[in-house]
Amino acid sequence: MAQEEGASFERSAERLAFSLDARQRCAMPRTLWNESDRAELLARVDKLRPDMTPAWGRMNATQMMTHLSAWMHLATGDLPSAPRKMPMRFPVIKQLVIYVMPWPKGVPTAPELLSRVSHGWDAELADFKEQLKTFGKWESRTDWPLHPAFGKLSTKTWGVLGYKHTNHHLTQFGV
């Protein structure tokens, strides 16, 4: 019963997030479940170079690609991550952060996404691109891992979060 109430509350929070801004009511959020959104991200990734400097943050381009590759492995369950007790686990805050608010700069990330050893620019770039190209095959999945900051996420939310996270880092490097 409590699980049903939690799911109902999360669906209500998601509807609230979509109703807050008239522009967003009319537009579907970009998502990794949409092939054209993935293609757009891949085209932007192709513009990256390892010597690019970020507009903010401490990661260099290779570290950012390692981070994005690690995120894809975390999302598919290949990279275990410890849950963190954060306010973003609350359904209303979670939905607002993922669906409404711009992605904040400088927010701490899961240690697992920063501690992964890089295999170098070419290897990380190839891994991320392959992960991104094939991410759509996971759309029918129902057994998603817990996100370290947001906790339980729906399939739809994993796709939106993945797009938003990738977009954030590509924007960080001007592409």
N, C-alpha and C. Protein backbone atom coordinates (compact mmCIF):
# COMPACT_ATOMS: atom_id res chain seq x y z
N MET A 1 0.82 -1.20 0.00
CA MET A 1 0.00 0.00 0.00
C MET A 1 0.86 1.26 0.00
N ALA A 2 1.88 1.30 0.86
CA ALA A 2 2.75 2.47 0.93
C ALA A 2 3.49 2.66 -0.38
N GLN A 3 3.85 1.53 -1.03
CA GLN A 3 4.55 1.62 -2.31
C GLN A 3 3.64 2.24 -3.37
N GLU A 4 2.36 1.84 -3.39
CA GLU A 4 1.40 2.40 -4.33
C GLU A 4 1.22 3.90 -4.09
N GLU A 5 1.14 4.31 -2.81
CA GLU A 5 1.00 5.72 -2.49
C GLU A 5 2.21 6.51 -2.95
N GLY A 6 3.41 5.94 -2.77
CA GLY A 6 4.64 6.60 -3.21
C GLY A 6 4.66 6.76 -4.72
N ALA A 7 4.25 5.72 -5.44
CA ALA A 7 4.21 5.79 -6.90
C ALA A 7 3.18 6.82 -7.36
N SER A 8 2.03 6.84 -6.69
CA SER A 8 0.99 7.81 -7.03
C SER A 8 1.47 9.24 -6.77
N PHE A 9 2.16 9.43 -5.64
CA PHE A 9 2.70 10.75 -5.30
C PHE A 9 3.74 11.18 -6.33
N GLU A 10 4.59 10.22 -6.77
CA GLU A 10 5.62 10.54 -7.76
C GLU A 10 4.97 10.93 -9.09
N ARG A 11 3.92 10.21 -9.49
CA ARG A 11 3.21 10.57 -10.73
C ARG A 11 2.59 11.96 -10.60
N SER A 12 2.04 12.28 -9.44
CA SER A 12 1.47 13.62 -9.21
C SER A 12 2.55 14.68 -9.29
N ALA A 13 3.70 14.41 -8.72
CA ALA A 13 4.82 15.37 -8.76
C ALA A 13 5.28 15.57 -10.19
N GLU A 14 5.30 14.49 -10.96
CA GLU A 14 5.71 14.60 -12.36
C GLU A 14 4.71 15.47 -13.13
N ARG A 15 3.42 15.28 -12.87
CA ARG A 15 2.40 16.10 -13.54
C ARG A 15 2.55 17.57 -13.12
N LEU A 16 2.85 17.80 -11.85
CA LEU A 16 3.07 19.16 -11.37
C LEU A 16 4.25 19.80 -12.07
N ALA A 17 5.33 19.06 -12.18
CA ALA A 17 6.53 19.60 -12.83
C ALA A 17 6.22 20.01 -14.26
N PHE A 18 5.41 19.21 -14.96
CA PHE A 18 5.08 19.56 -16.33
C PHE A 18 4.10 20.72 -16.43
N SER A 19 3.34 20.98 -15.38
CA SER A 19 2.34 22.04 -15.46
C SER A 19 2.87 23.41 -15.01
N LEU A 20 4.09 23.46 -14.48
CA LEU A 20 4.60 24.71 -13.94
C LEU A 20 4.95 25.75 -15.01
N ASP A 21 5.30 25.32 -16.18
CA ASP A 21 5.76 26.25 -17.20
C ASP A 21 5.01 25.95 -18.49
N ALA A 22 4.29 26.94 -19.02
CA ALA A 22 3.48 26.74 -20.22
C ALA A 22 4.31 26.26 -21.40
N ARG A 23 5.54 26.73 -21.51
CA ARG A 23 6.40 26.30 -22.62
C ARG A 23 6.67 24.81 -22.51
N GLN A 24 6.86 24.31 -21.31
CA GLN A 24 7.15 22.90 -21.14
C GLN A 24 5.92 22.04 -21.31
N ARG A 25 4.73 22.59 -21.07
CA ARG A 25 3.51 21.81 -21.30
C ARG A 25 3.37 21.46 -22.76
N CYS A 26 3.87 22.33 -23.65
CA CYS A 26 3.71 22.13 -25.08
C CYS A 26 4.84 21.28 -25.67
N ALA A 27 5.97 21.20 -25.01
CA ALA A 27 7.12 20.50 -25.56
C ALA A 27 7.44 19.25 -24.75
N MET A 28 7.75 18.20 -25.46
CA MET A 28 8.20 16.99 -24.78
C MET A 28 9.64 17.21 -24.35
N PRO A 29 10.01 16.74 -23.19
CA PRO A 29 11.42 16.90 -22.78
C PRO A 29 12.31 16.05 -23.68
N ARG A 30 13.53 16.54 -23.88
CA ARG A 30 14.49 15.75 -24.65
C ARG A 30 14.88 14.55 -23.80
N THR A 31 15.13 13.44 -24.48
CA THR A 31 15.34 12.19 -23.78
C THR A 31 16.24 11.26 -24.57
N LEU A 32 16.95 10.40 -23.86
CA LEU A 32 17.77 9.41 -24.53
C LEU A 32 16.92 8.33 -25.20
N TRP A 33 15.61 8.32 -24.93
CA TRP A 33 14.74 7.34 -25.58
C TRP A 33 14.39 7.77 -27.00
N ASN A 34 14.63 9.01 -27.33
CA ASN A 34 14.33 9.53 -28.66
C ASN A 34 15.58 9.42 -29.53
N GLU A 35 15.48 8.71 -30.63
CA GLU A 35 16.64 8.48 -31.50
C GLU A 35 17.22 9.79 -32.04
N SER A 36 16.37 10.74 -32.37
CA SER A 36 16.89 12.02 -32.90
C SER A 36 17.60 12.82 -31.81
N ASP A 37 17.16 12.71 -30.57
CA ASP A 37 17.87 13.37 -29.46
C ASP A 37 19.24 12.73 -29.25
N ARG A 38 19.30 11.40 -29.35
CA ARG A 38 20.61 10.73 -29.23
C ARG A 38 21.52 11.13 -30.39
N ALA A 39 20.97 11.21 -31.59
CA ALA A 39 21.76 11.61 -32.76
C ALA A 39 22.30 13.03 -32.60
N GLU A 40 21.49 13.91 -32.05
CA GLU A 40 21.93 15.30 -31.82
C GLU A 40 23.09 15.32 -30.83
N LEU A 41 23.00 14.53 -29.76
CA LEU A 41 24.10 14.47 -28.79
C LEU A 41 25.36 13.89 -29.43
N LEU A 42 25.20 12.84 -30.24
CA LEU A 42 26.36 12.25 -30.91
C LEU A 42 27.04 13.25 -31.84
N ALA A 43 26.25 14.05 -32.55
CA ALA A 43 26.83 15.07 -33.44
C ALA A 43 27.62 16.10 -32.63
N ARG A 44 27.12 16.45 -31.47
CA ARG A 44 27.84 17.38 -30.60
C ARG A 44 29.10 16.76 -30.03
N VAL A 45 29.03 15.49 -29.65
CA VAL A 45 30.20 14.79 -29.14
C VAL A 45 31.30 14.77 -30.20
N ASP A 46 30.92 14.62 -31.45
CA ASP A 46 31.90 14.59 -32.54
C ASP A 46 32.66 15.91 -32.67
N LYS A 47 32.14 16.98 -32.10
CA LYS A 47 32.81 18.29 -32.15
C LYS A 47 33.80 18.48 -31.00
N LEU A 48 33.78 17.56 -30.04
CA LEU A 48 34.70 17.66 -28.89
C LEU A 48 36.12 17.34 -29.31
N ARG A 49 37.06 17.97 -28.62
CA ARG A 49 38.48 17.67 -28.77
C ARG A 49 39.08 17.53 -27.38
N PRO A 50 40.10 16.71 -27.21
CA PRO A 50 40.66 16.50 -25.87
C PRO A 50 41.33 17.73 -25.29
N ASP A 51 41.68 18.70 -26.12
CA ASP A 51 42.36 19.90 -25.62
C ASP A 51 41.40 21.04 -25.29
N MET A 52 40.10 20.81 -25.41
CA MET A 52 39.12 21.86 -25.11
C MET A 52 39.10 22.16 -23.62
N THR A 53 38.87 23.42 -23.28
CA THR A 53 38.80 23.81 -21.87
C THR A 53 37.34 24.09 -21.50
N PRO A 54 36.98 23.74 -20.26
CA PRO A 54 35.59 23.93 -19.85
C PRO A 54 35.29 25.38 -19.52
N ALA A 55 34.04 25.76 -19.69
CA ALA A 55 33.58 27.10 -19.30
C ALA A 55 33.44 27.19 -17.77
N TRP A 56 33.28 26.06 -17.11
CA TRP A 56 33.21 25.99 -15.65
C TRP A 56 33.66 24.60 -15.21
N GLY A 57 33.93 24.46 -13.95
CA GLY A 57 34.27 23.17 -13.38
C GLY A 57 35.74 22.83 -13.49
N ARG A 58 36.09 21.68 -12.89
CA ARG A 58 37.49 21.27 -12.80
C ARG A 58 37.87 20.16 -13.75
N MET A 59 36.91 19.51 -14.38
CA MET A 59 37.24 18.39 -15.26
C MET A 59 37.81 18.89 -16.58
N ASN A 60 38.80 18.16 -17.10
CA ASN A 60 39.23 18.43 -18.47
C ASN A 60 38.36 17.58 -19.39
N ALA A 61 38.56 17.68 -20.68
CA ALA A 61 37.68 17.00 -21.64
C ALA A 61 37.74 15.48 -21.49
N THR A 62 38.94 14.93 -21.27
CA THR A 62 39.05 13.48 -21.11
C THR A 62 38.36 13.03 -19.84
N GLN A 63 38.52 13.77 -18.75
CA GLN A 63 37.84 13.42 -17.51
C GLN A 63 36.33 13.50 -17.68
N MET A 64 35.85 14.48 -18.43
CA MET A 64 34.41 14.61 -18.67
C MET A 64 33.89 13.42 -19.46
N MET A 65 34.63 12.98 -20.49
CA MET A 65 34.19 11.81 -21.26
C MET A 65 34.19 10.56 -20.39
N THR A 66 35.19 10.43 -19.51
CA THR A 66 35.24 9.30 -18.59
C THR A 66 34.02 9.34 -17.66
N HIS A 67 33.70 10.53 -17.19
CA HIS A 67 32.55 10.75 -16.31
C HIS A 67 31.25 10.37 -17.03
N LEU A 68 31.07 10.81 -18.26
CA LEU A 68 29.85 10.49 -19.01
C LEU A 68 29.76 8.99 -19.31
N SER A 69 30.89 8.37 -19.64
CA SER A 69 30.89 6.92 -19.86
C SER A 69 30.51 6.20 -18.58
N ALA A 70 31.08 6.64 -17.46
CA ALA A 70 30.75 6.02 -16.18
C ALA A 70 29.26 6.19 -15.87
N TRP A 71 28.70 7.35 -16.19
CA TRP A 71 27.27 7.57 -15.94
C TRP A 71 26.42 6.57 -16.72
N MET A 72 26.80 6.34 -17.98
CA MET A 72 26.04 5.39 -18.79
C MET A 72 26.12 3.98 -18.18
N HIS A 73 27.29 3.61 -17.68
CA HIS A 73 27.44 2.30 -17.03
C HIS A 73 26.67 2.25 -15.71
N LEU A 74 26.59 3.35 -15.00
CA LEU A 74 25.79 3.43 -13.78
C LEU A 74 24.31 3.25 -14.12
N ALA A 75 23.86 3.94 -15.16
CA ALA A 75 22.44 3.88 -15.54
C ALA A 75 22.02 2.47 -15.95
N THR A 76 22.90 1.75 -16.60
CA THR A 76 22.54 0.40 -17.03
C THR A 76 22.79 -0.65 -15.96
N GLY A 77 23.35 -0.24 -14.83
CA GLY A 77 23.59 -1.16 -13.73
C GLY A 77 24.96 -1.82 -13.77
N ASP A 78 25.78 -1.48 -14.75
CA ASP A 78 27.12 -2.07 -14.86
C ASP A 78 28.12 -1.46 -13.88
N LEU A 79 27.81 -0.29 -13.34
CA LEU A 79 28.68 0.37 -12.36
C LEU A 79 27.87 0.58 -11.08
N PRO A 80 28.11 -0.23 -10.07
CA PRO A 80 27.37 -0.06 -8.81
C PRO A 80 27.70 1.28 -8.17
N SER A 81 26.72 1.82 -7.48
CA SER A 81 26.89 3.11 -6.81
C SER A 81 26.16 3.10 -5.48
N ALA A 82 26.79 3.66 -4.49
CA ALA A 82 26.17 3.73 -3.17
C ALA A 82 25.13 4.85 -3.13
N PRO A 83 23.96 4.59 -2.54
CA PRO A 83 22.96 5.65 -2.42
C PRO A 83 23.43 6.74 -1.45
N ARG A 84 23.02 7.94 -1.74
CA ARG A 84 23.36 9.08 -0.88
C ARG A 84 22.05 9.67 -0.37
N LYS A 85 22.05 10.06 0.89
CA LYS A 85 20.84 10.68 1.45
C LYS A 85 20.87 12.16 1.08
N MET A 86 20.01 12.51 0.14
CA MET A 86 19.95 13.88 -0.35
C MET A 86 18.50 14.31 -0.49
N PRO A 87 18.23 15.59 -0.41
CA PRO A 87 16.84 16.05 -0.58
C PRO A 87 16.29 15.75 -1.97
N MET A 88 17.16 15.51 -2.95
CA MET A 88 16.68 15.23 -4.31
C MET A 88 15.97 13.90 -4.40
N ARG A 89 16.01 13.09 -3.36
CA ARG A 89 15.28 11.82 -3.36
C ARG A 89 13.78 12.04 -3.15
N PHE A 90 13.39 13.19 -2.59
CA PHE A 90 11.97 13.47 -2.38
C PHE A 90 11.31 13.70 -3.74
N PRO A 91 10.18 13.05 -3.99
CA PRO A 91 9.57 13.08 -5.32
C PRO A 91 9.39 14.47 -5.93
N VAL A 92 8.87 15.43 -5.19
CA VAL A 92 8.62 16.75 -5.78
C VAL A 92 9.94 17.40 -6.18
N ILE A 93 10.93 17.35 -5.30
CA ILE A 93 12.23 17.96 -5.61
C ILE A 93 12.88 17.23 -6.78
N LYS A 94 12.81 15.91 -6.78
CA LYS A 94 13.38 15.11 -7.86
C LYS A 94 12.78 15.52 -9.21
N GLN A 95 11.47 15.62 -9.26
CA GLN A 95 10.81 15.97 -10.53
C GLN A 95 11.16 17.39 -10.97
N LEU A 96 11.21 18.31 -10.02
CA LEU A 96 11.56 19.69 -10.37
C LEU A 96 12.99 19.77 -10.93
N VAL A 97 13.92 19.09 -10.28
CA VAL A 97 15.32 19.13 -10.72
C VAL A 97 15.46 18.49 -12.10
N ILE A 98 14.83 17.37 -12.31
CA ILE A 98 15.00 16.64 -13.57
C ILE A 98 14.20 17.26 -14.71
N TYR A 99 12.97 17.69 -14.44
CA TYR A 99 12.10 18.12 -15.53
C TYR A 99 11.97 19.63 -15.71
N VAL A 100 12.26 20.42 -14.70
CA VAL A 100 11.96 21.85 -14.79
C VAL A 100 13.20 22.74 -14.69
N MET A 101 13.96 22.56 -13.65
CA MET A 101 15.06 23.48 -13.38
C MET A 101 16.23 23.27 -14.35
N PRO A 102 16.99 24.33 -14.64
CA PRO A 102 18.22 24.12 -15.41
C PRO A 102 19.21 23.34 -14.56
N TRP A 103 20.06 22.55 -15.21
CA TRP A 103 21.02 21.74 -14.47
C TRP A 103 22.02 22.66 -13.81
N PRO A 104 22.19 22.57 -12.49
CA PRO A 104 23.11 23.48 -11.80
C PRO A 104 24.57 23.14 -12.07
N LYS A 105 25.41 24.15 -12.05
CA LYS A 105 26.84 23.97 -12.25
C LYS A 105 27.49 23.69 -10.90
N GLY A 106 28.48 22.82 -10.91
CA GLY A 106 29.29 22.59 -9.71
C GLY A 106 28.65 21.74 -8.64
N VAL A 107 27.59 21.03 -8.96
CA VAL A 107 26.94 20.18 -7.96
C VAL A 107 27.79 18.92 -7.78
N PRO A 108 28.03 18.51 -6.54
CA PRO A 108 28.82 17.29 -6.32
C PRO A 108 28.14 16.08 -6.97
N THR A 109 28.95 15.17 -7.46
CA THR A 109 28.44 13.98 -8.11
C THR A 109 28.83 12.74 -7.32
N ALA A 110 28.29 11.62 -7.71
CA ALA A 110 28.62 10.36 -7.04
C ALA A 110 30.12 10.09 -7.19
N PRO A 111 30.79 9.72 -6.10
CA PRO A 111 32.24 9.45 -6.16
C PRO A 111 32.60 8.42 -7.23
N GLU A 112 31.71 7.45 -7.46
CA GLU A 112 31.96 6.41 -8.46
C GLU A 112 32.09 7.00 -9.86
N LEU A 113 31.46 8.14 -10.09
CA LEU A 113 31.51 8.77 -11.42
C LEU A 113 32.77 9.62 -11.60
N LEU A 114 33.50 9.83 -10.54
CA LEU A 114 34.74 10.60 -10.63
C LEU A 114 35.97 9.73 -10.41
N SER A 115 35.81 8.58 -9.78
CA SER A 115 36.97 7.78 -9.41
C SER A 115 37.33 6.73 -10.45
N ARG A 116 36.51 6.57 -11.46
CA ARG A 116 36.80 5.57 -12.49
C ARG A 116 38.08 5.94 -13.22
N VAL A 117 38.95 4.98 -13.41
CA VAL A 117 40.22 5.21 -14.11
C VAL A 117 39.94 5.41 -15.59
N SER A 118 40.47 6.48 -16.14
CA SER A 118 40.28 6.77 -17.56
C SER A 118 41.15 5.85 -18.41
N HIS A 119 40.62 5.45 -19.53
CA HIS A 119 41.36 4.64 -20.50
C HIS A 119 41.87 5.51 -21.64
N GLY A 120 41.83 6.83 -21.43
CA GLY A 120 42.31 7.76 -22.45
C GLY A 120 41.18 8.28 -23.33
N TRP A 121 41.46 9.38 -23.99
CA TRP A 121 40.45 10.09 -24.79
C TRP A 121 39.77 9.18 -25.80
N ASP A 122 40.54 8.51 -26.65
CA ASP A 122 39.94 7.71 -27.73
C ASP A 122 39.06 6.60 -27.19
N ALA A 123 39.54 5.90 -26.17
CA ALA A 123 38.77 4.78 -25.60
C ALA A 123 37.50 5.28 -24.91
N GLU A 124 37.60 6.38 -24.15
CA GLU A 124 36.41 6.90 -23.46
C GLU A 124 35.39 7.45 -24.44
N LEU A 125 35.88 8.14 -25.46
CA LEU A 125 34.99 8.67 -26.50
C LEU A 125 34.26 7.53 -27.20
N ALA A 126 35.00 6.50 -27.59
CA ALA A 126 34.38 5.36 -28.27
C ALA A 126 33.37 4.65 -27.36
N ASP A 127 33.73 4.47 -26.09
CA ASP A 127 32.83 3.80 -25.16
C ASP A 127 31.55 4.60 -24.98
N PHE A 128 31.68 5.91 -24.75
CA PHE A 128 30.49 6.73 -24.56
C PHE A 128 29.61 6.71 -25.80
N LYS A 129 30.21 6.87 -26.97
CA LYS A 129 29.41 6.89 -28.20
C LYS A 129 28.67 5.57 -28.41
N GLU A 130 29.34 4.46 -28.12
CA GLU A 130 28.68 3.16 -28.25
C GLU A 130 27.54 3.03 -27.24
N GLN A 131 27.79 3.44 -26.00
CA GLN A 131 26.74 3.40 -24.97
C GLN A 131 25.54 4.25 -25.39
N LEU A 132 25.82 5.45 -25.90
CA LEU A 132 24.74 6.36 -26.29
C LEU A 132 23.96 5.81 -27.48
N LYS A 133 24.66 5.28 -28.47
CA LYS A 133 23.99 4.73 -29.66
C LYS A 133 23.05 3.59 -29.29
N THR A 134 23.44 2.79 -28.32
CA THR A 134 22.66 1.60 -27.99
C THR A 134 21.74 1.79 -26.78
N PHE A 135 21.72 2.98 -26.20
CA PHE A 135 20.93 3.19 -24.98
C PHE A 135 19.44 2.91 -25.21
N GLY A 136 18.95 3.15 -26.41
CA GLY A 136 17.53 2.95 -26.71
C GLY A 136 17.05 1.53 -26.47
N LYS A 137 17.96 0.56 -26.52
CA LYS A 137 17.54 -0.84 -26.30
C LYS A 137 17.05 -1.08 -24.87
N TRP A 138 17.36 -0.16 -23.95
CA TRP A 138 16.97 -0.31 -22.55
C TRP A 138 15.58 0.26 -22.25
N GLU A 139 14.91 0.83 -23.24
CA GLU A 139 13.65 1.53 -22.98
C GLU A 139 12.56 0.66 -22.37
N SER A 140 12.56 -0.62 -22.68
CA SER A 140 11.50 -1.49 -22.13
C SER A 140 11.90 -2.07 -20.77
N ARG A 141 13.04 -1.69 -20.27
CA ARG A 141 13.53 -2.21 -18.99
C ARG A 141 12.64 -1.73 -17.84
N THR A 142 12.47 -2.58 -16.85
CA THR A 142 11.67 -2.21 -15.67
C THR A 142 12.47 -2.29 -14.38
N ASP A 143 13.64 -2.91 -14.41
CA ASP A 143 14.42 -3.13 -13.19
C ASP A 143 15.64 -2.20 -13.14
N TRP A 144 15.40 -0.91 -13.11
CA TRP A 144 16.49 0.06 -13.11
C TRP A 144 17.19 0.09 -11.76
N PRO A 145 18.51 0.33 -11.78
CA PRO A 145 19.21 0.49 -10.50
C PRO A 145 18.78 1.79 -9.83
N LEU A 146 19.01 1.89 -8.54
CA LEU A 146 18.74 3.14 -7.84
C LEU A 146 19.79 4.16 -8.26
N HIS A 147 19.36 5.37 -8.54
CA HIS A 147 20.30 6.45 -8.83
C HIS A 147 20.89 6.90 -7.49
N PRO A 148 22.20 7.18 -7.42
CA PRO A 148 22.80 7.53 -6.13
C PRO A 148 22.21 8.78 -5.49
N ALA A 149 21.81 9.76 -6.27
CA ALA A 149 21.26 11.00 -5.70
C ALA A 149 19.74 11.03 -5.72
N PHE A 150 19.12 10.52 -6.80
CA PHE A 150 17.67 10.63 -6.97
C PHE A 150 16.89 9.41 -6.50
N GLY A 151 17.57 8.31 -6.25
CA GLY A 151 16.88 7.11 -5.82
C GLY A 151 16.16 6.42 -6.97
N LYS A 152 14.96 5.93 -6.71
CA LYS A 152 14.19 5.20 -7.72
C LYS A 152 13.72 6.15 -8.82
N LEU A 153 14.00 5.76 -10.06
CA LEU A 153 13.57 6.54 -11.22
C LEU A 153 12.80 5.66 -12.18
N SER A 154 11.83 6.24 -12.85
CA SER A 154 11.10 5.51 -13.88
C SER A 154 11.97 5.44 -15.14
N THR A 155 11.59 4.60 -16.06
CA THR A 155 12.29 4.50 -17.35
C THR A 155 12.29 5.87 -18.03
N LYS A 156 11.14 6.51 -18.06
CA LYS A 156 11.02 7.83 -18.68
C LYS A 156 12.01 8.82 -18.05
N THR A 157 12.09 8.81 -16.74
CA THR A 157 12.94 9.76 -16.03
C THR A 157 14.42 9.47 -16.27
N TRP A 158 14.81 8.19 -16.35
CA TRP A 158 16.21 7.87 -16.67
C TRP A 158 16.59 8.48 -18.03
N GLY A 159 15.69 8.40 -18.99
CA GLY A 159 15.98 8.95 -20.32
C GLY A 159 16.13 10.46 -20.31
N VAL A 160 15.25 11.14 -19.60
CA VAL A 160 15.30 12.60 -19.51
C VAL A 160 16.55 13.03 -18.74
N LEU A 161 16.81 12.36 -17.63
CA LEU A 161 17.99 12.69 -16.84
C LEU A 161 19.27 12.47 -17.65
N GLY A 162 19.33 11.38 -18.38
CA GLY A 162 20.51 11.09 -19.20
C GLY A 162 20.76 12.16 -20.24
N TYR A 163 19.70 12.62 -20.89
CA TYR A 163 19.86 13.68 -21.87
C TYR A 163 20.33 14.96 -21.18
N LYS A 164 19.67 15.31 -20.10
CA LYS A 164 19.98 16.57 -19.41
C LYS A 164 21.42 16.57 -18.88
N HIS A 165 21.86 15.45 -18.33
CA HIS A 165 23.22 15.34 -17.80
C HIS A 165 24.25 15.45 -18.92
N THR A 166 24.02 14.75 -20.02
CA THR A 166 24.95 14.80 -21.15
C THR A 166 24.97 16.20 -21.75
N ASN A 167 23.81 16.79 -21.94
CA ASN A 167 23.72 18.15 -22.47
C ASN A 167 24.50 19.14 -21.59
N HIS A 168 24.36 18.99 -20.28
CA HIS A 168 25.05 19.85 -19.34
C HIS A 168 26.57 19.82 -19.57
N HIS A 169 27.12 18.63 -19.70
CA HIS A 169 28.58 18.52 -19.87
C HIS A 169 29.03 18.92 -21.27
N LEU A 170 28.23 18.68 -22.28
CA LEU A 170 28.62 19.13 -23.62
C LEU A 170 28.59 20.66 -23.68
N THR A 171 27.59 21.25 -23.04
CA THR A 171 27.53 22.72 -22.95
C THR A 171 28.72 23.26 -22.18
N GLN A 172 29.13 22.56 -21.15
CA GLN A 172 30.30 22.93 -20.36
C GLN A 172 31.54 23.10 -21.25
N PHE A 173 31.62 22.30 -22.31
CA PHE A 173 32.76 22.37 -23.21
C PHE A 173 32.44 23.06 -24.53
N GLY A 174 31.35 23.79 -24.55
CA GLY A 174 31.04 24.65 -25.69
C GLY A 174 30.54 23.96 -26.94
N VAL A 175 30.03 22.75 -26.80
CA VAL A 175 29.48 22.08 -27.98
C VAL A 175 28.03 21.70 -27.75
